[in-house]
């Protein structure tokens, strides 16, 4: 993971959108951190874990069902100081009704 050079202004959603292909970024405590997209081993592990918890939680096969479990969701927040200080989760779990 690398950081950008210090800037006199806080990073914005436009800064994230301007990153080159194959690079993802997140703003943590006013600093833009960049990294390459996950490699195949990471993606396979994510898929395996998702498959194992998907049946019981998403589909109700051997579990409660009605949950949405999304790995590495793209979350866009308003361009506010509070939003820039929040973190994008590696996974998101929501109860679907």
N, C-alpha and C. Protein backbone atom coordinates (compact mmCIF):
# COMPACT_ATOMS: atom_id res chain seq x y z
N UNK A 1 0.86 -1.16 0.00
CA UNK A 1 0.00 0.00 0.00
C UNK A 1 0.90 1.22 0.00
N UNK A 2 0.54 2.21 -0.77
CA UNK A 2 1.32 3.43 -0.78
C UNK A 2 0.40 4.62 -0.56
N UNK A 3 1.00 5.72 -0.19
CA UNK A 3 0.22 6.94 0.00
C UNK A 3 0.63 7.92 -1.08
N UNK A 4 -0.23 8.86 -1.32
CA UNK A 4 0.12 9.92 -2.25
C UNK A 4 0.95 10.96 -1.53
N UNK A 5 1.54 11.87 -2.29
CA UNK A 5 2.30 12.96 -1.67
C UNK A 5 1.33 13.83 -0.87
N UNK A 6 1.80 14.38 0.24
CA UNK A 6 0.93 15.25 1.02
C UNK A 6 0.37 16.38 0.15
N UNK A 7 -0.89 16.66 0.36
CA UNK A 7 -1.57 17.69 -0.42
C UNK A 7 -2.16 18.72 0.53
N UNK A 8 -2.23 19.99 0.08
CA UNK A 8 -2.82 21.01 0.95
C UNK A 8 -4.34 20.86 1.09
N UNK A 9 -4.95 20.03 0.24
CA UNK A 9 -6.40 19.83 0.32
C UNK A 9 -6.69 18.34 0.56
N UNK A 10 -7.85 18.08 1.12
CA UNK A 10 -8.26 16.70 1.38
C UNK A 10 -8.60 16.01 0.07
N UNK A 11 -8.27 14.72 -0.08
CA UNK A 11 -8.64 13.98 -1.29
C UNK A 11 -10.16 13.92 -1.43
N UNK A 12 -10.61 13.82 -2.67
CA UNK A 12 -12.04 13.78 -2.97
C UNK A 12 -12.38 12.52 -3.77
N UNK A 13 -13.66 12.32 -4.01
CA UNK A 13 -14.10 11.23 -4.85
C UNK A 13 -13.51 11.36 -6.26
N UNK A 14 -13.35 12.58 -6.73
CA UNK A 14 -12.73 12.81 -8.05
C UNK A 14 -11.30 12.28 -8.08
N UNK A 15 -10.56 12.41 -6.97
CA UNK A 15 -9.20 11.87 -6.90
C UNK A 15 -9.22 10.34 -7.01
N UNK A 16 -10.20 9.71 -6.38
CA UNK A 16 -10.32 8.25 -6.48
C UNK A 16 -10.67 7.85 -7.91
N UNK A 17 -11.58 8.59 -8.54
CA UNK A 17 -11.99 8.28 -9.91
C UNK A 17 -10.84 8.48 -10.91
N UNK A 18 -9.88 9.34 -10.58
CA UNK A 18 -8.78 9.65 -11.49
C UNK A 18 -7.63 8.64 -11.42
N UNK A 19 -7.70 7.67 -10.52
CA UNK A 19 -6.63 6.69 -10.41
C UNK A 19 -6.53 5.87 -11.69
N UNK A 20 -5.33 5.47 -12.08
CA UNK A 20 -5.16 4.70 -13.32
C UNK A 20 -5.79 3.31 -13.22
N UNK A 21 -6.03 2.67 -14.37
CA UNK A 21 -6.60 1.32 -14.37
C UNK A 21 -5.72 0.36 -13.57
N UNK A 22 -6.36 -0.54 -12.84
CA UNK A 22 -5.63 -1.52 -12.05
C UNK A 22 -5.21 -1.04 -10.67
N UNK A 23 -5.49 0.22 -10.37
CA UNK A 23 -5.15 0.80 -9.06
C UNK A 23 -6.45 1.16 -8.35
N UNK A 24 -6.56 0.76 -7.10
CA UNK A 24 -7.71 1.13 -6.28
C UNK A 24 -7.21 2.01 -5.15
N UNK A 25 -8.10 2.78 -4.58
CA UNK A 25 -7.70 3.67 -3.51
C UNK A 25 -8.78 3.82 -2.47
N UNK A 26 -8.36 4.32 -1.32
CA UNK A 26 -9.30 4.64 -0.26
C UNK A 26 -8.73 5.82 0.52
N UNK A 27 -9.63 6.60 1.08
CA UNK A 27 -9.23 7.76 1.87
C UNK A 27 -9.43 7.39 3.33
N UNK A 28 -8.33 7.45 4.09
CA UNK A 28 -8.38 7.15 5.52
C UNK A 28 -7.76 8.32 6.25
N UNK A 29 -8.56 8.92 7.13
CA UNK A 29 -8.12 10.07 7.92
C UNK A 29 -7.48 11.16 7.05
N UNK A 30 -8.13 11.43 5.92
CA UNK A 30 -7.69 12.52 5.05
C UNK A 30 -6.50 12.21 4.16
N UNK A 31 -6.05 10.96 4.11
CA UNK A 31 -4.91 10.57 3.28
C UNK A 31 -5.40 9.56 2.24
N UNK A 32 -5.01 9.76 0.97
CA UNK A 32 -5.36 8.85 -0.10
C UNK A 32 -4.33 7.72 -0.15
N UNK A 33 -4.78 6.50 0.09
CA UNK A 33 -3.93 5.31 0.00
C UNK A 33 -4.27 4.58 -1.29
N UNK A 34 -3.26 4.13 -2.02
CA UNK A 34 -3.48 3.41 -3.26
C UNK A 34 -2.83 2.04 -3.20
N UNK A 35 -3.38 1.11 -3.98
CA UNK A 35 -2.81 -0.24 -4.06
C UNK A 35 -3.29 -0.88 -5.36
N UNK A 36 -2.63 -1.94 -5.76
CA UNK A 36 -3.09 -2.67 -6.94
C UNK A 36 -4.34 -3.46 -6.58
N UNK A 37 -5.09 -3.83 -7.60
CA UNK A 37 -6.28 -4.65 -7.36
C UNK A 37 -5.84 -6.01 -6.83
N UNK A 38 -6.73 -6.69 -6.08
CA UNK A 38 -6.37 -7.99 -5.50
C UNK A 38 -5.95 -8.99 -6.57
N UNK A 39 -4.96 -9.81 -6.22
CA UNK A 39 -4.45 -10.85 -7.12
C UNK A 39 -5.36 -12.07 -7.07
N UNK A 40 -5.08 -13.03 -7.94
CA UNK A 40 -5.94 -14.20 -8.10
C UNK A 40 -6.09 -15.00 -6.81
N UNK A 41 -5.02 -15.15 -6.02
CA UNK A 41 -5.13 -15.94 -4.78
C UNK A 41 -6.14 -15.31 -3.82
N UNK A 42 -6.09 -14.00 -3.71
CA UNK A 42 -7.04 -13.27 -2.86
C UNK A 42 -8.46 -13.45 -3.39
N UNK A 43 -8.63 -13.32 -4.70
CA UNK A 43 -9.96 -13.45 -5.28
C UNK A 43 -10.52 -14.86 -5.11
N UNK A 44 -9.68 -15.88 -5.25
CA UNK A 44 -10.14 -17.27 -5.07
C UNK A 44 -10.54 -17.52 -3.61
N UNK A 45 -9.76 -16.99 -2.68
CA UNK A 45 -10.08 -17.15 -1.26
C UNK A 45 -11.40 -16.47 -0.95
N UNK A 46 -11.58 -15.27 -1.46
CA UNK A 46 -12.83 -14.53 -1.24
C UNK A 46 -14.02 -15.30 -1.80
N UNK A 47 -13.86 -15.85 -2.99
CA UNK A 47 -14.94 -16.61 -3.61
C UNK A 47 -15.27 -17.86 -2.80
N UNK A 48 -14.26 -18.57 -2.31
CA UNK A 48 -14.46 -19.78 -1.52
C UNK A 48 -15.21 -19.47 -0.23
N UNK A 49 -14.75 -18.46 0.49
CA UNK A 49 -15.42 -18.08 1.73
C UNK A 49 -16.85 -17.63 1.45
N UNK A 50 -17.02 -16.83 0.40
CA UNK A 50 -18.35 -16.36 0.03
C UNK A 50 -19.30 -17.50 -0.30
N UNK A 51 -18.78 -18.51 -0.99
CA UNK A 51 -19.61 -19.66 -1.34
C UNK A 51 -20.04 -20.45 -0.11
N UNK A 52 -19.12 -20.59 0.83
CA UNK A 52 -19.43 -21.38 2.04
C UNK A 52 -20.43 -20.68 2.95
N UNK A 53 -20.37 -19.36 3.02
CA UNK A 53 -21.34 -18.67 3.88
C UNK A 53 -22.56 -18.21 3.09
N UNK A 54 -22.46 -18.22 1.76
CA UNK A 54 -23.57 -17.78 0.94
C UNK A 54 -24.79 -18.68 1.02
N UNK A 55 -24.56 -20.00 0.97
CA UNK A 55 -25.70 -20.91 1.01
C UNK A 55 -26.52 -20.75 2.29
N UNK A 56 -25.90 -20.81 3.48
CA UNK A 56 -26.73 -20.69 4.68
C UNK A 56 -27.29 -19.28 4.91
N UNK A 57 -26.49 -18.26 4.63
CA UNK A 57 -26.94 -16.90 4.97
C UNK A 57 -27.69 -16.21 3.83
N UNK A 58 -27.23 -16.36 2.59
CA UNK A 58 -27.96 -15.75 1.47
C UNK A 58 -29.20 -16.55 1.10
N UNK A 59 -29.03 -17.87 0.96
CA UNK A 59 -30.07 -18.71 0.38
C UNK A 59 -30.87 -19.52 1.38
N UNK A 60 -30.44 -19.55 2.64
CA UNK A 60 -31.19 -20.27 3.67
C UNK A 60 -31.00 -21.76 3.65
N UNK A 61 -29.98 -22.27 2.95
CA UNK A 61 -29.69 -23.71 2.95
C UNK A 61 -28.82 -24.04 4.15
N UNK A 62 -29.43 -24.54 5.23
CA UNK A 62 -28.70 -24.86 6.44
C UNK A 62 -28.43 -23.65 7.32
N UNK A 63 -29.16 -22.58 7.10
CA UNK A 63 -28.96 -21.36 7.90
C UNK A 63 -30.17 -20.45 7.80
N UNK A 64 -30.05 -19.23 8.31
CA UNK A 64 -31.21 -18.35 8.41
C UNK A 64 -31.68 -17.75 7.08
N UNK A 65 -30.80 -17.61 6.09
CA UNK A 65 -31.20 -16.99 4.83
C UNK A 65 -31.51 -15.51 4.97
N UNK A 66 -31.83 -14.87 3.87
CA UNK A 66 -32.25 -13.45 3.80
C UNK A 66 -31.15 -12.45 4.15
N UNK A 67 -29.88 -12.84 4.05
CA UNK A 67 -28.78 -11.91 4.28
C UNK A 67 -28.08 -11.64 2.95
N UNK A 68 -27.56 -10.45 2.76
CA UNK A 68 -26.71 -10.13 1.62
C UNK A 68 -25.30 -9.96 2.14
N UNK A 69 -24.37 -10.74 1.66
CA UNK A 69 -22.98 -10.63 2.05
C UNK A 69 -22.20 -10.26 0.80
N UNK A 70 -21.64 -9.06 0.79
CA UNK A 70 -20.98 -8.53 -0.39
C UNK A 70 -19.52 -8.27 -0.06
N UNK A 71 -18.61 -8.86 -0.83
CA UNK A 71 -17.19 -8.64 -0.58
C UNK A 71 -16.71 -7.41 -1.33
N UNK A 72 -15.89 -6.64 -0.68
CA UNK A 72 -15.28 -5.43 -1.22
C UNK A 72 -16.28 -4.55 -1.97
N UNK A 73 -17.32 -4.10 -1.28
CA UNK A 73 -18.33 -3.29 -1.95
C UNK A 73 -17.78 -1.92 -2.32
N UNK A 74 -18.23 -1.39 -3.43
CA UNK A 74 -17.89 -0.02 -3.80
C UNK A 74 -18.88 0.90 -3.12
N UNK A 75 -18.43 1.65 -2.17
CA UNK A 75 -19.31 2.54 -1.42
C UNK A 75 -18.90 3.97 -1.73
N UNK A 76 -19.85 4.76 -2.15
CA UNK A 76 -19.60 6.18 -2.39
C UNK A 76 -20.38 6.97 -1.37
N UNK A 77 -19.68 7.83 -0.67
CA UNK A 77 -20.30 8.68 0.34
C UNK A 77 -20.24 10.12 -0.13
N UNK A 78 -21.06 10.98 0.42
CA UNK A 78 -20.99 12.38 0.03
C UNK A 78 -19.61 12.95 0.33
N UNK A 79 -19.22 13.93 -0.42
CA UNK A 79 -17.88 14.52 -0.28
C UNK A 79 -17.86 15.47 0.91
N UNK A 80 -17.93 14.88 2.10
CA UNK A 80 -17.89 15.65 3.34
C UNK A 80 -16.70 15.21 4.16
N UNK A 81 -16.34 15.99 5.14
CA UNK A 81 -15.22 15.64 6.00
C UNK A 81 -15.46 14.31 6.69
N UNK A 82 -16.69 14.09 7.17
CA UNK A 82 -17.00 12.84 7.84
C UNK A 82 -16.86 11.65 6.89
N UNK A 83 -17.33 11.82 5.66
CA UNK A 83 -17.25 10.74 4.68
C UNK A 83 -15.81 10.44 4.30
N UNK A 84 -14.99 11.45 4.18
CA UNK A 84 -13.59 11.23 3.81
C UNK A 84 -12.82 10.53 4.91
N UNK A 85 -13.30 10.62 6.14
CA UNK A 85 -12.63 9.96 7.25
C UNK A 85 -13.16 8.55 7.51
N UNK A 86 -14.20 8.14 6.78
CA UNK A 86 -14.72 6.79 6.99
C UNK A 86 -13.96 5.80 6.13
N UNK A 87 -14.06 4.54 6.48
CA UNK A 87 -13.34 3.50 5.76
C UNK A 87 -14.31 2.69 4.92
N UNK A 88 -13.83 2.23 3.77
CA UNK A 88 -14.61 1.31 2.95
C UNK A 88 -14.35 -0.08 3.49
N UNK A 89 -15.39 -0.81 3.88
CA UNK A 89 -15.15 -2.13 4.47
C UNK A 89 -14.71 -3.15 3.44
N UNK A 90 -13.98 -4.17 3.91
CA UNK A 90 -13.59 -5.27 3.04
C UNK A 90 -14.78 -6.16 2.75
N UNK A 91 -15.78 -6.14 3.61
CA UNK A 91 -17.00 -6.91 3.40
C UNK A 91 -18.15 -6.16 4.03
N UNK A 92 -19.31 -6.39 3.49
CA UNK A 92 -20.50 -5.76 4.02
C UNK A 92 -21.58 -6.82 4.20
N UNK A 93 -22.27 -6.78 5.31
CA UNK A 93 -23.34 -7.74 5.59
C UNK A 93 -24.60 -6.95 5.88
N UNK A 94 -25.66 -7.26 5.14
CA UNK A 94 -26.93 -6.56 5.31
C UNK A 94 -28.04 -7.58 5.44
N UNK A 95 -29.01 -7.29 6.27
CA UNK A 95 -30.17 -8.15 6.40
C UNK A 95 -31.20 -7.71 5.35
N UNK A 96 -31.59 -8.62 4.47
CA UNK A 96 -32.59 -8.32 3.44
C UNK A 96 -33.95 -8.76 3.94
N UNK A 97 -34.93 -7.90 3.83
CA UNK A 97 -36.28 -8.23 4.29
C UNK A 97 -37.22 -8.31 3.13
